[in-house]
């Protein structure tokens, strides 16, 4: 297992833990295919909120990954989230609404 893979996996776990603390059930996708994480919770109206998350420790989301994530979100009704580190915090960015998520 490469050092780069371990760092990426470690960051995925940090994102997972943040979402679990926020009340989500989080699933890690094997081999990061088609995305890294799926997080599901009920909103205040009892409706499901589904986050489709791509995590990048490098803070850069390649355009092909961005398009793939947005397409998958449109097909499933999920929210495409790009997660990246900012110092010791984690940024969750909604790629459709172009805003920081929570």
N, C-alpha and C. Protein backbone atom coordinates (compact mmCIF):
# COMPACT_ATOMS: atom_id res chain seq x y z
N UNK A 1 0.85 -1.17 0.00
CA UNK A 1 0.00 0.00 0.00
C UNK A 1 0.91 1.24 0.00
N UNK A 2 0.69 2.11 -0.96
CA UNK A 2 1.55 3.29 -1.09
C UNK A 2 1.23 4.34 -0.02
N UNK A 3 2.20 5.20 0.21
CA UNK A 3 2.04 6.28 1.18
C UNK A 3 0.93 7.23 0.74
N UNK A 4 0.87 7.52 -0.58
CA UNK A 4 -0.17 8.41 -1.12
C UNK A 4 -1.56 7.81 -0.87
N UNK A 5 -1.71 6.49 -1.10
CA UNK A 5 -3.00 5.82 -0.87
C UNK A 5 -3.39 5.91 0.60
N UNK A 6 -2.43 5.68 1.50
CA UNK A 6 -2.72 5.72 2.94
C UNK A 6 -3.16 7.12 3.37
N UNK A 7 -2.51 8.16 2.83
CA UNK A 7 -2.89 9.53 3.18
C UNK A 7 -4.30 9.83 2.67
N UNK A 8 -4.60 9.40 1.45
CA UNK A 8 -5.94 9.61 0.89
C UNK A 8 -7.00 8.89 1.69
N UNK A 9 -6.73 7.64 2.05
CA UNK A 9 -7.68 6.86 2.84
C UNK A 9 -7.88 7.48 4.22
N UNK A 10 -6.79 7.95 4.81
CA UNK A 10 -6.88 8.59 6.12
C UNK A 10 -7.76 9.84 6.05
N UNK A 11 -7.64 10.61 4.97
CA UNK A 11 -8.48 11.80 4.82
C UNK A 11 -9.95 11.39 4.63
N UNK A 12 -10.21 10.34 3.87
CA UNK A 12 -11.58 9.84 3.71
C UNK A 12 -12.18 9.49 5.07
N UNK A 13 -11.40 8.87 5.93
CA UNK A 13 -11.89 8.52 7.26
C UNK A 13 -12.20 9.77 8.09
N UNK A 14 -11.40 10.81 7.94
CA UNK A 14 -11.66 12.06 8.66
C UNK A 14 -12.98 12.69 8.18
N UNK A 15 -13.20 12.67 6.87
CA UNK A 15 -14.45 13.19 6.32
C UNK A 15 -15.62 12.35 6.84
N UNK A 16 -15.45 11.04 6.80
CA UNK A 16 -16.49 10.12 7.31
C UNK A 16 -16.83 10.44 8.75
N UNK A 17 -15.81 10.59 9.57
CA UNK A 17 -16.03 10.85 10.99
C UNK A 17 -16.76 12.17 11.22
N UNK A 18 -16.42 13.20 10.45
CA UNK A 18 -17.10 14.50 10.56
C UNK A 18 -18.59 14.35 10.24
N UNK A 19 -18.90 13.59 9.20
CA UNK A 19 -20.30 13.41 8.79
C UNK A 19 -21.07 12.54 9.78
N UNK A 20 -20.42 11.55 10.34
CA UNK A 20 -21.07 10.72 11.36
C UNK A 20 -21.44 11.59 12.57
N UNK A 21 -20.53 12.47 12.98
CA UNK A 21 -20.81 13.38 14.09
C UNK A 21 -21.98 14.31 13.77
N UNK A 22 -22.19 14.59 12.47
CA UNK A 22 -23.30 15.46 12.05
C UNK A 22 -24.60 14.67 11.88
N UNK A 23 -24.56 13.36 12.19
CA UNK A 23 -25.78 12.56 12.15
C UNK A 23 -26.01 11.74 10.89
N UNK A 24 -25.03 11.65 10.03
CA UNK A 24 -25.16 10.88 8.80
C UNK A 24 -24.74 9.42 9.00
N UNK A 25 -25.30 8.55 8.21
CA UNK A 25 -24.80 7.19 8.04
C UNK A 25 -23.89 7.28 6.83
N UNK A 26 -22.67 6.80 6.95
CA UNK A 26 -21.69 6.99 5.89
C UNK A 26 -21.15 5.64 5.41
N UNK A 27 -21.04 5.52 4.10
CA UNK A 27 -20.55 4.29 3.47
C UNK A 27 -19.35 4.64 2.60
N UNK A 28 -18.28 3.90 2.79
CA UNK A 28 -17.07 4.09 1.99
C UNK A 28 -17.10 3.12 0.82
N UNK A 29 -16.89 3.62 -0.37
CA UNK A 29 -16.94 2.79 -1.58
C UNK A 29 -15.59 2.13 -1.81
N UNK A 30 -15.60 0.82 -2.01
CA UNK A 30 -14.37 0.07 -2.25
C UNK A 30 -13.69 0.58 -3.51
N UNK A 31 -12.40 0.82 -3.40
CA UNK A 31 -11.64 1.29 -4.55
C UNK A 31 -12.05 2.67 -5.02
N UNK A 32 -12.82 3.39 -4.20
CA UNK A 32 -13.30 4.73 -4.53
C UNK A 32 -14.07 4.78 -5.84
N UNK A 33 -14.74 3.69 -6.17
CA UNK A 33 -15.51 3.63 -7.41
C UNK A 33 -16.98 3.54 -7.10
N UNK A 34 -17.82 4.34 -7.64
CA UNK A 34 -17.52 5.47 -8.54
C UNK A 34 -17.13 6.73 -7.78
N UNK A 35 -17.33 6.75 -6.46
CA UNK A 35 -16.98 7.91 -5.63
C UNK A 35 -16.37 7.39 -4.33
N UNK A 36 -15.93 8.29 -3.47
CA UNK A 36 -15.28 7.87 -2.23
C UNK A 36 -16.28 7.50 -1.13
N UNK A 37 -17.26 8.38 -0.89
CA UNK A 37 -18.20 8.18 0.21
C UNK A 37 -19.63 8.50 -0.21
N UNK A 38 -20.58 7.82 0.43
CA UNK A 38 -21.99 8.15 0.32
C UNK A 38 -22.48 8.38 1.75
N UNK A 39 -23.10 9.52 1.98
CA UNK A 39 -23.61 9.86 3.32
C UNK A 39 -25.11 10.10 3.21
N UNK A 40 -25.88 9.51 4.13
CA UNK A 40 -27.33 9.59 4.09
C UNK A 40 -27.87 10.00 5.45
N UNK A 41 -28.82 10.93 5.43
CA UNK A 41 -29.48 11.39 6.65
C UNK A 41 -30.87 11.86 6.29
N UNK A 42 -31.72 12.02 7.30
CA UNK A 42 -33.03 12.61 7.08
C UNK A 42 -32.97 14.09 7.42
N UNK A 43 -33.61 14.92 6.59
CA UNK A 43 -33.64 16.35 6.90
C UNK A 43 -34.78 16.63 7.88
N UNK A 44 -35.01 17.89 8.19
CA UNK A 44 -36.02 18.26 9.19
C UNK A 44 -37.44 17.88 8.77
N UNK A 45 -37.67 17.67 7.48
CA UNK A 45 -38.98 17.25 6.98
C UNK A 45 -39.11 15.73 6.88
N UNK A 46 -38.08 15.01 7.33
CA UNK A 46 -38.10 13.56 7.26
C UNK A 46 -37.70 13.00 5.90
N UNK A 47 -37.31 13.88 4.98
CA UNK A 47 -36.88 13.45 3.65
C UNK A 47 -35.39 13.11 3.67
N UNK A 48 -34.96 12.13 2.85
CA UNK A 48 -33.54 11.78 2.85
C UNK A 48 -32.68 12.85 2.19
N UNK A 49 -31.52 13.06 2.76
CA UNK A 49 -30.47 13.87 2.17
C UNK A 49 -29.34 12.91 1.85
N UNK A 50 -28.93 12.88 0.58
CA UNK A 50 -27.88 11.97 0.15
C UNK A 50 -26.72 12.79 -0.40
N UNK A 51 -25.56 12.61 0.20
CA UNK A 51 -24.35 13.29 -0.26
C UNK A 51 -23.47 12.29 -1.00
N UNK A 52 -23.04 12.64 -2.19
CA UNK A 52 -22.10 11.84 -2.97
C UNK A 52 -20.78 12.59 -2.90
N UNK A 53 -19.78 11.98 -2.29
CA UNK A 53 -18.58 12.72 -1.89
C UNK A 53 -17.32 12.20 -2.55
N UNK A 54 -16.58 13.12 -3.11
CA UNK A 54 -15.24 12.85 -3.64
C UNK A 54 -14.26 13.59 -2.75
N UNK A 55 -13.31 12.86 -2.18
CA UNK A 55 -12.32 13.43 -1.27
C UNK A 55 -10.98 13.57 -1.97
N UNK A 56 -10.36 14.72 -1.83
CA UNK A 56 -9.03 14.94 -2.41
C UNK A 56 -8.16 15.67 -1.40
N UNK A 57 -7.15 15.00 -0.93
CA UNK A 57 -6.19 15.60 0.00
C UNK A 57 -5.42 16.71 -0.68
N UNK A 58 -5.28 16.63 -2.01
CA UNK A 58 -4.52 17.62 -2.77
C UNK A 58 -5.27 18.93 -2.98
N UNK A 59 -6.54 18.98 -2.62
CA UNK A 59 -7.39 20.18 -2.78
C UNK A 59 -7.71 20.49 -4.24
N UNK A 60 -7.42 19.56 -5.14
CA UNK A 60 -7.70 19.78 -6.56
C UNK A 60 -8.58 18.64 -7.05
N UNK A 61 -9.72 19.00 -7.65
CA UNK A 61 -10.62 18.00 -8.23
C UNK A 61 -10.51 18.10 -9.75
N UNK A 62 -9.94 17.08 -10.40
CA UNK A 62 -9.81 17.12 -11.86
C UNK A 62 -11.19 17.29 -12.52
N UNK A 63 -11.21 17.98 -13.64
CA UNK A 63 -12.46 18.28 -14.33
C UNK A 63 -13.25 17.01 -14.67
N UNK A 64 -12.58 15.95 -15.07
CA UNK A 64 -13.30 14.71 -15.40
C UNK A 64 -14.00 14.14 -14.16
N UNK A 65 -13.34 14.20 -13.00
CA UNK A 65 -13.96 13.73 -11.75
C UNK A 65 -15.13 14.62 -11.36
N UNK A 66 -14.97 15.92 -11.57
CA UNK A 66 -16.04 16.87 -11.25
C UNK A 66 -17.28 16.58 -12.10
N UNK A 67 -17.09 16.41 -13.41
CA UNK A 67 -18.22 16.13 -14.30
C UNK A 67 -18.89 14.81 -13.95
N UNK A 68 -18.08 13.80 -13.64
CA UNK A 68 -18.61 12.48 -13.28
C UNK A 68 -19.47 12.57 -12.02
N UNK A 69 -19.00 13.32 -11.03
CA UNK A 69 -19.71 13.46 -9.76
C UNK A 69 -21.03 14.22 -9.96
N UNK A 70 -21.01 15.28 -10.73
CA UNK A 70 -22.22 16.05 -10.99
C UNK A 70 -23.23 15.20 -11.78
N UNK A 71 -22.76 14.45 -12.76
CA UNK A 71 -23.64 13.58 -13.53
C UNK A 71 -24.30 12.54 -12.61
N UNK A 72 -23.52 11.90 -11.78
CA UNK A 72 -24.05 10.88 -10.87
C UNK A 72 -25.09 11.49 -9.93
N UNK A 73 -24.83 12.70 -9.45
CA UNK A 73 -25.77 13.38 -8.56
C UNK A 73 -27.08 13.69 -9.28
N UNK A 74 -26.99 14.16 -10.51
CA UNK A 74 -28.21 14.47 -11.26
C UNK A 74 -29.01 13.20 -11.55
N UNK A 75 -28.34 12.11 -11.79
CA UNK A 75 -29.01 10.84 -12.07
C UNK A 75 -29.68 10.24 -10.83
N UNK A 76 -29.15 10.53 -9.65
CA UNK A 76 -29.65 9.89 -8.43
C UNK A 76 -30.40 10.82 -7.48
N UNK A 77 -30.32 12.12 -7.72
CA UNK A 77 -30.93 13.07 -6.80
C UNK A 77 -30.06 13.40 -5.61
N UNK A 78 -28.81 12.95 -5.63
CA UNK A 78 -27.89 13.24 -4.55
C UNK A 78 -27.26 14.62 -4.71
N UNK A 79 -26.49 15.01 -3.71
CA UNK A 79 -25.78 16.29 -3.73
C UNK A 79 -24.30 15.98 -3.94
N UNK A 80 -23.69 16.51 -5.02
CA UNK A 80 -22.28 16.24 -5.26
C UNK A 80 -21.39 17.12 -4.38
N UNK A 81 -20.60 16.48 -3.56
CA UNK A 81 -19.76 17.20 -2.60
C UNK A 81 -18.28 16.90 -2.87
N UNK A 82 -17.51 17.96 -2.96
CA UNK A 82 -16.05 17.85 -3.04
C UNK A 82 -15.51 18.16 -1.66
N UNK A 83 -14.81 17.20 -1.06
CA UNK A 83 -14.25 17.37 0.28
C UNK A 83 -12.74 17.53 0.17
N UNK A 84 -12.21 18.57 0.84
CA UNK A 84 -10.78 18.79 0.83
C UNK A 84 -10.35 19.45 2.14
N UNK A 85 -9.08 19.30 2.50
CA UNK A 85 -8.62 19.87 3.76
C UNK A 85 -8.30 21.35 3.63
N UNK A 86 -8.48 22.06 4.75
CA UNK A 86 -8.09 23.46 4.86
C UNK A 86 -7.46 23.60 6.23
N UNK A 87 -6.16 23.42 6.29
CA UNK A 87 -5.49 23.37 7.58
C UNK A 87 -5.97 22.14 8.33
N UNK A 88 -6.48 22.35 9.54
CA UNK A 88 -6.98 21.22 10.32
C UNK A 88 -8.47 20.97 10.10
N UNK A 89 -9.12 21.83 9.34
CA UNK A 89 -10.55 21.64 9.10
C UNK A 89 -10.79 20.96 7.75
N UNK A 90 -12.03 20.56 7.53
CA UNK A 90 -12.43 19.90 6.30
C UNK A 90 -13.50 20.75 5.63
N UNK A 91 -13.27 21.05 4.36
CA UNK A 91 -14.23 21.82 3.57
C UNK A 91 -15.09 20.85 2.78
N UNK A 92 -16.41 21.05 2.83
CA UNK A 92 -17.36 20.29 2.02
C UNK A 92 -18.00 21.29 1.07
N UNK A 93 -17.79 21.09 -0.24
CA UNK A 93 -18.25 22.06 -1.22
C UNK A 93 -19.26 21.42 -2.16
N UNK A 94 -20.44 22.02 -2.25
CA UNK A 94 -21.53 21.56 -3.11
C UNK A 94 -21.25 22.02 -4.54
N UNK A 95 -21.01 21.08 -5.44
CA UNK A 95 -20.61 21.42 -6.81
C UNK A 95 -21.77 21.89 -7.69
N UNK A 96 -23.01 21.60 -7.34
CA UNK A 96 -24.15 22.06 -8.15
C UNK A 96 -24.54 23.48 -7.74
N UNK A 97 -24.64 23.71 -6.45
CA UNK A 97 -25.07 25.02 -5.96
C UNK A 97 -23.90 25.99 -5.76
N UNK A 98 -22.69 25.51 -6.00
CA UNK A 98 -21.48 26.33 -5.87
C UNK A 98 -21.42 27.08 -4.53
N UNK A 99 -21.53 26.28 -3.46
CA UNK A 99 -21.45 26.88 -2.13
C UNK A 99 -20.90 25.85 -1.14
N UNK A 100 -20.40 26.37 -0.04
CA UNK A 100 -19.92 25.47 1.01
C UNK A 100 -21.11 24.81 1.65
N UNK A 101 -20.98 23.53 1.93
CA UNK A 101 -22.08 22.77 2.51
C UNK A 101 -21.89 22.70 4.00
N UNK A 102 -22.85 23.21 4.73
CA UNK A 102 -22.85 23.24 6.21
C UNK A 102 -21.51 23.65 6.74
